[in-house]
Protein backbone atom coordinates (compact mmCIF):
# COMPACT_ATOMS: atom_id res chain seq x y z
CA MET A 1 0.05 -0.09 0.04
CA ALA A 2 1.01 3.62 -0.72
CA THR A 3 3.15 5.52 1.76
CA ARG A 4 1.94 8.31 4.05
CA GLY A 5 1.86 10.92 1.25
CA GLU A 6 0.85 8.58 -1.49
CA PHE A 7 3.77 9.95 -3.68
CA SER A 8 2.48 13.45 -3.65
CA LEU A 9 5.81 14.84 -5.07
CA SER A 10 7.16 11.88 -7.01
CA GLU A 11 6.47 9.19 -9.54
CA VAL A 12 4.37 6.05 -8.46
CA PRO A 13 6.73 3.12 -8.62
CA ALA A 14 6.02 -0.08 -10.37
CA HIS A 15 5.23 -2.07 -7.16
CA GLU A 16 2.46 0.28 -6.07
CA ARG A 17 0.34 0.09 -9.31
CA LYS A 18 -3.11 -1.28 -9.40
CA GLY A 19 -5.22 -3.32 -11.79
CA VAL A 20 -7.82 -2.02 -14.32
CA MET A 21 -10.78 -3.15 -12.11
CA SER A 22 -9.65 -1.40 -8.99
CA ILE A 23 -8.99 1.92 -11.00
CA THR A 24 -12.24 1.59 -12.84
CA MET A 25 -14.15 1.13 -9.58
CA VAL A 26 -12.67 4.31 -8.04
CA LEU A 27 -13.38 6.47 -11.27
CA LEU A 28 -16.98 5.20 -11.30
CA SER A 29 -17.36 6.19 -7.75
CA PHE A 30 -15.95 9.59 -8.70
CA THR A 31 -18.33 10.04 -11.83
CA PHE A 32 -21.41 8.57 -10.09
CA PHE A 33 -22.25 12.21 -8.91
CA THR A 34 -25.73 13.67 -7.89
CA GLY A 35 -24.44 16.89 -9.35
CA THR A 36 -24.11 15.42 -12.74
CA MET A 37 -27.72 14.34 -12.62
CA PHE A 38 -28.92 17.96 -11.86
CA ALA A 39 -26.93 19.14 -14.86
CA GLY A 40 -28.70 16.22 -16.81
CA GLY A 41 -32.09 17.29 -15.55
CA LYS A 42 -31.35 20.69 -16.99
CA ILE A 43 -30.79 19.16 -20.46
CA GLY A 44 -33.72 16.92 -20.08
CA VAL A 45 -36.22 19.64 -20.01
CA ALA A 46 -34.57 21.06 -23.18
CA PHE A 47 -34.35 17.99 -25.64
CA SER A 48 -36.62 15.18 -26.83
CA VAL A 49 -35.28 11.85 -25.59
CA VAL A 50 -33.66 11.09 -28.93
CA ASP A 51 -31.66 14.48 -28.95
CA MET A 52 -30.95 14.09 -25.46
CA LEU A 53 -29.15 10.77 -26.04
CA TRP A 54 -27.24 12.39 -28.94
CA VAL A 55 -26.23 15.04 -26.44
CA ALA A 56 -25.16 12.64 -23.85
CA VAL A 57 -23.07 10.30 -26.45
CA VAL A 58 -21.17 13.23 -27.81
CA GLY A 59 -20.45 15.15 -24.67
CA ASN A 60 -19.61 12.14 -22.64
CA LEU A 61 -17.43 10.76 -25.65
CA LEU A 62 -15.30 13.88 -25.77
CA LEU A 63 -15.05 14.00 -22.16
CA ALA A 64 -13.91 10.40 -21.94
CA VAL A 65 -11.24 10.87 -24.69
CA TYR A 66 -9.85 13.88 -22.96
CA ALA A 67 -9.62 11.85 -19.77
CA ALA A 68 -8.18 8.90 -21.24
CA ALA A 69 -5.56 11.01 -23.23
CA LEU A 70 -4.37 12.40 -19.75
CA ALA A 71 -4.53 8.90 -18.14
CA PHE A 72 -2.23 7.39 -20.67
CA VAL A 73 0.33 10.09 -19.96
CA ALA A 74 -0.20 9.79 -16.17
CA SER A 75 0.16 5.91 -16.25
CA ARG A 76 3.33 6.09 -18.52
CA SER A 77 5.06 8.67 -16.41
CA GLY A 78 3.68 7.77 -12.87
CA LEU A 79 2.91 11.43 -12.30
CA ASN A 80 -0.52 13.42 -11.71
CA SER A 81 -1.52 16.68 -13.55
CA VAL A 82 0.01 18.98 -10.77
CA LEU A 83 3.38 17.32 -11.16
CA MET A 84 3.21 17.22 -14.84
CA GLY A 85 2.62 21.07 -14.57
CA ARG A 86 6.18 21.45 -13.36
CA PHE A 87 7.45 20.52 -16.91
CA CYS A 88 4.99 22.68 -18.86
CA PHE A 89 4.58 25.60 -16.70
CA GLY A 90 7.87 25.63 -14.61
CA GLU A 91 8.54 25.36 -10.87
CA VAL A 92 7.01 28.59 -9.95
CA GLY A 93 4.53 28.79 -12.88
CA SER A 94 3.11 25.25 -11.95
CA LYS A 95 1.57 26.90 -8.89
CA LEU A 96 -0.89 28.35 -11.36
CA SER A 97 -2.25 24.86 -12.13
CA ASP A 98 -1.93 23.91 -8.57
CA PHE A 99 -4.34 26.65 -7.84
CA LEU A 100 -6.77 26.27 -10.56
CA LEU A 101 -7.07 22.52 -9.97
CA GLY A 102 -7.43 22.96 -6.18
CA PHE A 103 -9.85 25.83 -6.63
CA ALA A 104 -12.12 23.74 -8.95
CA GLU A 105 -12.20 20.66 -6.55
CA LEU A 106 -12.67 22.87 -3.50
CA GLY A 107 -15.76 24.42 -5.18
CA TRP A 108 -17.25 20.87 -5.90
CA TYR A 109 -16.58 19.91 -2.24
CA ALA A 110 -18.34 22.96 -1.01
CA TRP A 111 -21.38 22.37 -3.35
CA GLY A 112 -21.61 18.82 -2.26
CA THR A 113 -21.38 19.60 1.41
CA ALA A 114 -24.03 22.30 0.96
CA THR A 115 -26.18 19.90 -1.06
CA VAL A 116 -26.46 17.14 1.42
CA ALA A 117 -27.17 19.51 4.27
CA ILE A 118 -29.85 21.41 2.52
CA VAL A 119 -31.51 18.35 0.95
CA LEU A 120 -31.55 16.36 4.07
CA VAL A 121 -33.37 19.23 5.99
CA LYS A 122 -35.89 19.40 2.98
CA LEU A 123 -36.61 15.67 2.73
CA LEU A 124 -36.86 15.01 6.57
CA SER A 125 -38.60 18.16 7.25
CA TRP A 126 -35.90 19.24 9.87
CA PRO A 127 -35.71 22.86 11.06
CA ALA A 128 -33.61 25.18 8.86
CA SER A 129 -31.46 25.87 12.03
CA VAL A 130 -29.65 22.65 11.68
CA THR A 131 -28.44 23.23 8.08
CA THR A 132 -25.20 24.97 9.21
CA PRO A 133 -24.22 22.29 11.80
CA LEU A 134 -24.91 19.48 9.28
CA MET A 135 -22.59 21.25 6.67
CA VAL A 136 -19.99 21.29 9.44
CA LEU A 137 -20.56 17.62 10.19
CA PHE A 138 -20.58 16.28 6.88
CA GLY A 139 -17.69 18.66 5.75
CA PHE A 140 -15.40 16.91 8.14
CA GLY A 141 -16.94 13.46 7.88
CA PHE A 142 -16.54 13.23 4.19
CA SER A 143 -12.77 14.02 4.58
CA ILE A 144 -12.23 10.78 6.44
CA THR A 145 -12.25 8.78 3.43
CA ALA A 146 -9.57 10.90 1.62
CA ILE A 147 -7.45 10.71 4.84
CA VAL A 148 -7.37 7.00 4.73
CA GLY A 149 -6.26 7.42 1.09
CA TYR A 150 -6.63 5.14 -2.05
CA ARG A 151 -7.64 2.23 0.05
CA GLY A 152 -10.56 3.83 1.73
CA MET A 153 -11.95 5.15 -1.81
CA ASP A 154 -11.59 1.81 -3.26
CA ALA A 155 -13.47 -0.14 -0.34
CA LEU A 156 -16.29 2.58 -0.41
CA SER A 157 -16.71 2.40 -4.29
CA ARG A 158 -17.17 -1.38 -4.22
CA VAL A 159 -20.39 -0.90 -2.12
CA SER A 160 -21.69 2.47 -3.34
CA VAL A 161 -21.30 2.12 -7.11
CA PRO A 162 -23.51 -1.21 -7.39
CA LEU A 163 -26.20 0.37 -5.04
CA MET A 164 -26.24 3.54 -6.95
CA PHE A 165 -26.57 1.76 -10.28
CA VAL A 166 -29.63 -0.31 -8.84
CA LEU A 167 -31.38 2.92 -7.64
CA LEU A 168 -30.85 4.57 -11.06
CA VAL A 169 -32.36 1.59 -12.87
CA VAL A 170 -35.50 1.34 -10.64
CA SER A 171 -35.99 5.30 -10.84
CA MET A 172 -35.76 4.99 -14.86
CA TRP A 173 -38.11 1.98 -14.75
CA ILE A 174 -40.56 3.81 -12.60
CA ALA A 175 -40.27 6.75 -14.89
CA THR A 176 -40.94 4.73 -17.94
CA ARG A 177 -44.03 3.05 -16.34
CA ASP A 178 -45.47 6.46 -15.47
CA VAL A 179 -44.96 8.06 -18.75
CA GLY A 180 -46.55 5.11 -20.67
CA GLY A 181 -43.50 3.69 -22.40
CA TRP A 182 -41.91 5.00 -25.70
CA PRO A 183 -45.14 6.47 -27.25
CA GLY A 184 -45.60 8.61 -23.95
CA LEU A 185 -42.06 9.89 -24.13
CA ALA A 186 -42.49 10.78 -27.91
CA LYS A 187 -45.43 12.98 -26.99
CA ILE A 188 -43.54 15.23 -24.70
CA VAL A 189 -42.43 18.53 -25.96
CA PRO A 190 -39.32 20.25 -24.51
CA THR A 191 -40.15 23.30 -22.51
CA GLN A 192 -36.92 25.08 -22.08
CA PRO A 193 -34.89 25.10 -25.37
CA MET A 194 -31.10 24.99 -25.32
CA SER A 195 -28.62 24.84 -28.36
CA PHE A 196 -26.76 21.60 -28.90
CA ALA A 197 -23.30 23.18 -28.49
CA ALA A 198 -24.44 24.64 -25.13
CA ALA A 199 -25.68 21.21 -23.98
CA VAL A 200 -22.75 19.37 -25.00
CA THR A 201 -20.43 21.96 -23.11
CA MET A 202 -22.54 21.52 -20.02
CA VAL A 203 -21.86 17.68 -20.23
CA PHE A 204 -18.26 18.24 -20.74
CA GLY A 205 -18.07 20.91 -17.98
CA THR A 206 -19.60 18.47 -15.22
CA PHE A 207 -16.28 16.76 -15.11
CA ALA A 208 -13.77 19.04 -16.95
CA SER A 209 -11.93 19.39 -13.76
CA GLY A 210 -12.40 15.68 -12.65
CA ALA A 211 -11.05 14.38 -15.72
CA THR A 212 -8.00 16.69 -15.48
CA GLN A 213 -7.46 15.45 -11.82
CA ALA A 214 -8.24 11.84 -12.46
CA THR A 215 -4.68 11.39 -13.05
CA ASN A 216 -4.35 11.22 -9.23
CA TRP A 217 -5.66 7.63 -9.75
CA THR A 218 -4.91 6.74 -13.40
CA ARG A 219 -1.18 7.22 -12.64
CA LEU A 220 -1.70 4.21 -10.24
CA ALA A 221 -2.64 1.94 -13.28
CA LYS A 222 -0.19 -0.80 -14.12
CA SER A 223 -0.33 0.03 -17.83
CA GLY A 224 -1.49 2.63 -20.20
CA ARG A 225 -3.95 0.58 -21.70
CA ALA A 226 -5.47 -0.14 -18.26
CA ALA A 227 -5.62 3.61 -17.56
CA VAL A 228 -7.49 4.33 -20.83
CA ALA A 229 -9.77 1.58 -20.40
CA ALA A 230 -10.68 2.76 -16.68
CA SER A 231 -11.03 6.25 -17.94
CA MET A 232 -13.42 5.38 -20.83
CA ILE A 233 -15.62 3.33 -18.63
CA GLY A 234 -15.30 5.78 -15.74
CA PHE A 235 -16.37 8.90 -17.80
CA PHE A 236 -18.17 7.67 -20.82
CA VAL A 237 -20.07 4.99 -19.03
CA GLY A 238 -20.30 6.32 -15.45
CA ASN A 239 -20.64 10.17 -16.10
CA GLY A 240 -23.15 9.15 -19.23
CA LEU A 241 -25.28 7.02 -17.18
CA MET A 242 -25.79 9.92 -14.63
CA ILE A 243 -26.47 12.49 -17.35
CA VAL A 244 -28.95 10.24 -19.16
CA ALA A 245 -30.63 9.10 -15.68
CA GLY A 246 -31.07 12.80 -14.69
CA ALA A 247 -32.36 13.84 -18.20
CA TYR A 248 -34.50 11.03 -18.69
CA CYS A 249 -36.60 11.49 -15.48
CA ALA A 250 -36.55 15.21 -16.09
CA ILE A 251 -38.29 14.73 -19.48
CA VAL A 252 -40.75 12.37 -17.80
CA TYR A 253 -41.74 14.56 -14.90
CA GLN A 254 -40.54 17.97 -16.34
CA GLN A 255 -38.61 18.34 -13.15
CA PRO A 256 -34.77 18.76 -13.40
CA ASP A 257 -34.29 18.11 -9.55
CA ILE A 258 -33.52 14.40 -9.26
CA VAL A 259 -34.33 14.38 -5.62
CA GLU A 260 -37.81 15.95 -6.23
CA VAL A 261 -38.25 13.18 -8.93
CA MET A 262 -37.65 10.43 -6.60
CA MET A 263 -40.14 11.96 -4.13
CA LEU A 264 -42.58 11.94 -6.73
CA GLN A 265 -41.88 8.34 -7.26
CA GLY A 266 -42.24 7.50 -3.71
CA LEU A 267 -38.68 6.84 -3.37
CA SER A 268 -38.00 9.41 -0.53
CA ILE A 269 -36.11 7.14 1.70
CA ALA A 270 -34.11 5.74 -1.05
CA ALA A 271 -33.47 9.30 -2.15
CA VAL A 272 -31.84 10.00 1.33
CA VAL A 273 -29.77 6.89 1.28
CA MET A 274 -28.65 7.69 -2.33
CA LEU A 275 -27.89 11.26 -1.50
CA CYS A 276 -25.73 10.30 1.48
CA MET A 277 -23.98 7.30 -0.14
CA ASN A 278 -23.34 9.01 -3.44
CA LEU A 279 -22.10 12.29 -1.87
CA TRP A 280 -19.89 10.36 0.50
CA THR A 281 -18.35 8.52 -2.30
CA ILE A 282 -17.66 11.48 -4.47
CA GLN A 283 -16.57 13.94 -1.69
CA GLY A 284 -13.82 11.58 -0.64
CA PRO A 285 -12.05 11.64 -4.08
CA THR A 286 -12.85 15.47 -4.28
CA ILE A 287 -11.20 16.42 -1.27
CA TYR A 288 -8.28 14.01 -2.02
CA ASN A 289 -7.74 16.08 -5.43
CA VAL A 290 -7.63 19.30 -3.21
CA SER A 291 -5.00 17.92 -0.91
CA ALA A 292 -2.91 16.52 -3.96
CA ALA A 293 -2.92 20.08 -5.46
CA ALA A 294 -2.15 21.60 -2.08
CA CYS A 295 0.93 19.39 -1.31
CA HIS A 296 2.30 20.27 -4.75
CA LEU A 297 1.65 23.95 -4.23
CA LEU A 298 3.47 23.96 -0.92
CA ARG A 299 5.99 21.27 -1.83
CA THR A 300 5.06 19.21 1.14
CA GLU A 301 3.97 15.44 1.85
CA ARG A 302 1.46 16.25 4.66
CA ARG A 303 -1.58 15.44 2.63
CA ARG A 304 -3.72 14.23 5.64
CA THR A 305 -3.22 17.77 7.30
CA LEU A 306 -3.98 19.45 4.25
CA THR A 307 -7.02 17.40 3.61
CA LEU A 308 -8.58 18.73 6.95
CA VAL A 309 -7.53 22.29 6.18
CA GLY A 310 -9.15 21.86 2.61
CA ALA A 311 -12.43 20.40 4.31
CA ALA A 312 -12.61 23.52 6.66
CA VAL A 313 -12.25 25.87 3.77
CA GLY A 314 -14.98 23.96 1.75
CA ILE A 315 -17.30 24.32 4.74
CA VAL A 316 -16.92 28.03 4.92
CA LEU A 317 -17.75 28.22 1.18
CA ALA A 318 -20.70 26.02 1.79
CA ILE A 319 -22.01 28.05 4.50
CA GLY A 320 -21.44 31.18 2.22
CA GLY A 321 -23.86 30.08 -0.28
CA MET A 322 -22.07 27.77 -3.00
CA TYR A 323 -25.30 25.62 -3.45
CA GLU A 324 -26.91 28.33 -5.43
CA LEU A 325 -23.77 28.70 -7.88
CA LEU A 326 -23.67 25.29 -9.69
CA ILE A 327 -24.43 26.39 -13.16
CA PRO A 328 -22.07 29.28 -13.53
CA PHE A 329 -19.47 27.29 -11.62
CA LEU A 330 -19.70 24.67 -14.22
CA ILE A 331 -19.57 27.12 -16.99
CA LEU A 332 -16.40 28.75 -15.59
CA LEU A 333 -14.70 25.26 -15.03
CA GLY A 334 -15.41 24.21 -18.67
CA SER A 335 -13.52 27.26 -19.78
CA ILE A 336 -10.55 27.48 -17.39
CA ILE A 337 -9.57 23.77 -16.63
CA PRO A 338 -9.49 21.98 -19.97
CA PRO A 339 -6.49 24.29 -21.27
CA VAL A 340 -4.40 23.10 -18.50
CA GLY A 341 -4.76 19.52 -20.05
CA GLY A 342 -4.25 20.84 -23.55
CA VAL A 343 -0.86 22.34 -22.55
CA ILE A 344 0.08 19.13 -20.55
CA LEU A 345 -0.55 16.77 -23.62
CA ALA A 346 1.41 19.13 -25.87
CA ASP A 347 4.44 19.32 -23.76
CA PHE A 348 4.39 15.77 -23.19
CA TRP A 349 4.09 14.59 -26.80
CA TYR A 350 5.81 17.39 -28.72
CA ARG A 351 8.49 18.81 -26.45
CA HIS A 352 9.28 15.62 -24.34
CA ARG A 353 8.63 13.20 -27.09
CA GLY A 354 6.39 10.93 -25.03
CA ARG A 355 8.69 10.50 -21.99
CA TYR A 356 9.45 12.79 -19.00
CA PRO A 357 12.84 12.79 -17.28
CA ALA A 358 13.02 11.77 -13.52
CA ILE A 359 11.13 14.66 -11.69
CA ALA A 360 13.64 14.65 -8.99
CA THR A 361 16.65 15.33 -11.12
CA ALA A 362 15.01 17.06 -14.14
CA PRO A 363 16.36 20.66 -14.79
CA LEU A 364 12.99 22.58 -14.68
CA PRO A 365 12.77 26.36 -15.35
CA ARG A 366 11.11 28.76 -12.81
CA LEU A 367 8.64 29.92 -15.53
CA ASN A 368 7.93 28.21 -18.66
CA VAL A 369 6.65 31.34 -20.58
CA ALA A 370 5.40 29.27 -23.41
CA GLY A 371 3.09 27.16 -21.26
CA LEU A 372 1.74 30.11 -19.29
CA ALA A 373 1.10 31.99 -22.42
CA ALA A 374 -0.43 28.98 -24.19
CA TYR A 375 -2.75 28.45 -21.09
CA ALA A 376 -3.83 32.08 -20.97
CA ILE A 377 -4.86 32.35 -24.59
CA GLY A 378 -6.64 28.77 -24.50
CA ALA A 379 -8.67 29.75 -21.34
CA ALA A 380 -9.53 33.45 -23.05
CA LEU A 381 -10.64 31.82 -26.16
CA ALA A 382 -12.75 29.13 -24.59
CA TYR A 383 -14.49 31.49 -22.21
CA ALA A 384 -15.29 33.87 -25.13
CA SER A 385 -16.39 30.93 -27.51
CA PRO A 386 -19.98 30.41 -28.55
CA TRP A 387 -18.89 26.76 -29.59
CA ILE A 388 -17.90 23.91 -27.36
CA ALA A 389 -15.74 25.62 -25.01
CA PRO A 390 -13.68 22.89 -23.49
CA LEU A 391 -12.67 21.64 -27.02
CA VAL A 392 -11.69 25.31 -27.98
CA GLY A 393 -9.54 25.53 -24.90
CA ILE A 394 -7.80 22.35 -25.41
CA ALA A 395 -7.13 22.73 -29.09
CA ALA A 396 -6.10 26.44 -28.70
CA SER A 397 -3.67 25.94 -25.75
CA SER A 398 -2.19 22.87 -27.36
CA LEU A 399 -1.48 24.53 -30.52
CA CYS A 400 -0.23 27.71 -29.11
CA TYR A 401 2.14 25.67 -26.88
CA ILE A 402 3.65 23.96 -29.89
CA VAL A 403 3.98 27.22 -31.86
CA PHE A 404 5.62 29.10 -28.89
CA VAL A 405 8.11 26.02 -28.31
CA GLN A 406 8.88 26.06 -32.02
CA VAL A 407 9.50 29.68 -31.98
CA ALA A 408 11.57 29.78 -28.91
CA SER A 409 13.87 26.95 -30.31
CA ARG A 410 14.49 28.93 -33.61
CA ILE A 411 15.29 32.07 -31.52
CA ALA A 412 17.76 30.08 -29.36
CA ARG A 413 19.26 28.60 -32.56
CA ALA A 414 19.58 32.08 -34.24
CA PRO A 415 22.91 33.32 -32.59
CA SER A 416 24.90 30.22 -33.22
CA ILE A 417 23.81 30.18 -36.85
CA GLN A 418 24.78 33.98 -37.28
CA GLY A 419 28.11 33.20 -35.51
CA GLU A 420 28.94 30.74 -38.15
């Protein structure tokens, strides 16, 4: 089993690698997320069932391919995204990616902590005064799984993922019965139109940050093939099922809130169990990601201490109103996170030709201006783009990085050429 820091600042050695099933279960527990179902609900009230399925397939396929591309690099190198950032952004410049990835996951942790408290108060008719104490309780409680580390997340996922899958199937079966089967579904007219590109962007945005940070676990894979397979299953199947389940039930009941849907279906108790199990499963990996980014930001192996600090900050954000900010938060993440992955991929394949040197001895610049500039351009274009923002960000940042590296190489060679 991993050491105390779980290799926060170094490559994962071969003897600590895991099999494809173990990695897949952890990624499924990561993508089986209630927040994704809320996003699916927004899509469900905007499309017919056939169009919704196309949105889910395209959006999740793009997301899974992005996650798999990073997973392959992570498995080959033994590094996660924040460590890879030292090569493409520099020793000091990589603190940008540390902050961005930590911020993204901390926001999700705050949203999940707020959600479980608010929904429990609502479902169980408890007084509103217990909401804040519940946020504190769950905020620190969720962090226990991350403190235990990979072993804790693996064990919890083997219980929660099958239970969540069964509950989703039951809910969709009840919805199909209530609507009268396919003929009934075909008669439902969307009530809140949304463009195809916007819907695909929302699907990608649900786990743009998660796909980038999933390298925390895919770097543990025994081979690149195992990392890619686990990522495709985790993000295409896992995230896809959550989007489709939320959207499908939203189409039937014209209600995007999956908890409200389960109450309508008479599954209130199941909804409480699902919410607690699901959020406990996802919150562990989420705060683990926060601690991984923080360890690299501060160059320390004290992951457990930083896990508790991150949980405390997440609780403050939850109390401050993070629950109401899900959609704008998703849009922001879909713009600012994927360009990080774009620069990492371009740096690994173009500049390092598919193999990093040992990170402990590699000569790293303080600032990699090419990487930082490429990221800034990619993020700006993604944020301003009316098209699929994550793809724009990845493509723009990758292309800009390659161009900048090529230009810098030619400038560096120019004096010697002139001297001859």
